[in-house]
Amino acid sequence: MKSAIETTFDVVGGKWKGVILWKMLDVETIRFNELKRALGGKISSRILSKELRMLCDEGLIERKDYHSVPPKVEYCLTEYGKSIEAFMVPMNEWGLQHQSRKESKGEMIVNSKKMQKE
C-alpha cells in the first residue's frame, strides 16, 4: 500500500502539475492560452493539455467548454482543488528560503574564490 505522501506526489508531483495548480490559486477562471502564458510559455500545448486532463480526473480542476466558435474553454479550481493551498503556501515559503540559502551559499563560494586568488 502506498504512503500518503506518495499519493500526494502522484497527484500534484512532477514538473508541471504543482506549478499549474499554484498559478490557478490566484485566478477565478483561466483559459488555456492564458495559463500557458502564465507558465512563461515553457510548456508545450500537448503537455499542458495532458496535465490539465489529469488534474480534472483527480477532481482538482474543472473544465468548462462553452461549445462555441471559436472554441472557448475555461479552467478553474474545484472546492476540493482549493484545499491544496493549505500545503502549497508553506511549500512556496520553503522554496523561497531555499533559494535565498543557495544564493547566499553561492555568494560565499564566489567570495572564497576571490580570497584564494589574493
Protein backbone atom coordinates (compact mmCIF):
# COMPACT_ATOMS: atom_id res chain seq x y z
CA MET A 1 0.00 0.00 0.00
CA LYS A 2 1.24 3.50 -0.87
CA SER A 3 2.06 6.00 1.81
CA ALA A 4 0.03 9.20 1.96
CA ILE A 5 3.00 11.26 0.76
CA GLU A 6 3.41 9.00 -2.29
CA THR A 7 -0.26 9.52 -3.10
CA THR A 8 0.14 13.29 -2.76
CA PHE A 9 3.15 13.34 -5.08
CA ASP A 10 1.33 11.11 -7.57
CA VAL A 11 -1.44 13.70 -7.77
CA VAL A 12 0.49 17.01 -7.64
CA GLY A 13 4.07 16.00 -8.29
CA GLY A 14 6.07 16.18 -11.48
CA LYS A 15 7.41 19.12 -13.38
CA TRP A 16 4.14 20.91 -14.16
CA LYS A 17 1.12 19.89 -12.06
CA GLY A 18 2.16 21.77 -8.93
CA VAL A 19 3.07 24.88 -10.91
CA ILE A 20 -0.25 24.78 -12.79
CA LEU A 21 -2.17 24.47 -9.53
CA TRP A 22 -0.11 27.27 -7.95
CA LYS A 23 -0.94 29.62 -10.84
CA MET A 24 -4.61 28.69 -10.64
CA LEU A 25 -4.83 29.60 -6.95
CA ASP A 26 -4.68 33.29 -7.93
CA VAL A 27 -7.48 33.28 -10.50
CA GLU A 28 -11.20 32.59 -10.59
CA THR A 29 -11.04 31.04 -14.07
CA ILE A 30 -8.35 30.86 -16.72
CA ARG A 31 -8.31 29.98 -20.37
CA PHE A 32 -5.82 27.54 -21.87
CA ASN A 33 -3.58 30.10 -23.60
CA GLU A 34 -3.69 32.44 -20.60
CA LEU A 35 -2.43 29.60 -18.43
CA LYS A 36 0.26 28.73 -20.96
CA ARG A 37 1.43 32.37 -20.92
CA ALA A 38 1.30 32.43 -17.11
CA LEU A 39 3.67 29.46 -17.17
CA GLY A 40 6.09 31.51 -19.25
CA GLY A 41 5.35 29.58 -22.43
CA LYS A 42 7.81 26.93 -21.24
CA ILE A 43 5.27 24.12 -21.54
CA SER A 44 4.06 22.65 -24.81
CA SER A 45 0.35 22.71 -25.60
CA ARG A 46 0.32 18.90 -25.68
CA ILE A 47 1.83 18.56 -22.21
CA LEU A 48 -0.35 21.31 -20.74
CA SER A 49 -3.44 19.61 -22.14
CA LYS A 50 -2.34 16.26 -20.70
CA GLU A 51 -1.60 17.72 -17.26
CA LEU A 52 -4.93 19.59 -17.17
CA ARG A 53 -6.77 16.39 -18.10
CA MET A 54 -5.01 14.51 -15.28
CA LEU A 55 -5.87 17.25 -12.76
CA CYS A 56 -9.50 17.14 -13.95
CA ASP A 57 -9.53 13.36 -13.49
CA GLU A 58 -8.29 13.83 -9.91
CA GLY A 59 -11.10 16.33 -9.23
CA LEU A 60 -8.78 19.26 -8.56
CA ILE A 61 -9.79 21.39 -11.52
CA GLU A 62 -12.91 21.76 -13.60
CA ARG A 63 -13.03 22.24 -17.36
CA LYS A 64 -15.89 24.29 -18.75
CA ASP A 65 -16.44 24.02 -22.51
CA TYR A 66 -18.72 26.70 -23.98
CA HIS A 67 -19.25 24.79 -27.27
CA SER A 68 -18.78 27.94 -29.30
CA VAL A 69 -16.95 29.01 -32.42
CA PRO A 70 -14.18 29.87 -31.94
CA PRO A 71 -13.74 27.31 -29.18
CA LYS A 72 -13.81 28.68 -25.65
CA VAL A 73 -12.71 26.55 -22.71
CA GLU A 74 -12.06 27.76 -19.17
CA TYR A 75 -10.45 26.02 -16.23
CA CYS A 76 -10.95 26.67 -12.54
CA LEU A 77 -10.07 25.02 -9.27
CA THR A 78 -12.81 22.95 -7.69
CA GLU A 79 -13.58 23.44 -4.00
CA TYR A 80 -11.55 20.29 -3.41
CA GLY A 81 -8.75 21.72 -5.56
CA LYS A 82 -8.64 24.88 -3.47
CA SER A 83 -7.65 22.72 -0.49
CA ILE A 84 -4.15 22.44 -1.97
CA GLU A 85 -3.47 25.99 -0.77
CA ALA A 86 -3.04 24.57 2.74
CA PHE A 87 0.20 22.86 1.73
CA MET A 88 1.23 24.83 -1.38
CA VAL A 89 1.75 28.11 0.53
CA PRO A 90 4.19 26.53 3.03
CA MET A 91 5.95 24.77 0.13
CA ASN A 92 6.35 28.12 -1.63
CA GLU A 93 7.73 29.70 1.55
CA TRP A 94 10.21 26.84 1.93
CA GLY A 95 11.22 27.30 -1.73
CA LEU A 96 11.89 31.00 -1.17
CA GLN A 97 14.04 30.21 1.87
CA HIS A 98 15.91 27.53 -0.07
CA GLN A 99 16.57 29.90 -3.00
CA SER A 100 17.87 32.50 -0.58
CA ARG A 101 20.10 29.94 1.10
CA LYS A 102 21.51 28.78 -2.24
CA GLU A 103 22.13 32.37 -3.33
CA SER A 104 23.96 33.19 -0.09
CA LYS A 105 25.99 29.97 -0.39
CA GLY A 106 26.87 30.92 -3.97
CA GLU A 107 27.97 34.33 -2.75
CA MET A 108 30.14 32.64 -0.09
CA ILE A 109 31.77 30.41 -2.72
CA VAL A 110 32.46 33.39 -5.00
CA ASN A 111 33.95 35.35 -2.08
CA SER A 112 36.02 32.34 -1.05
CA LYS A 113 37.48 32.03 -4.56
CA LYS A 114 38.31 35.77 -4.60
CA MET A 115 40.12 35.41 -1.27
CA GLN A 116 42.13 32.43 -2.57
CA LYS A 117 43.30 34.45 -5.60
CA GLU A 118 44.50 37.35 -3.44
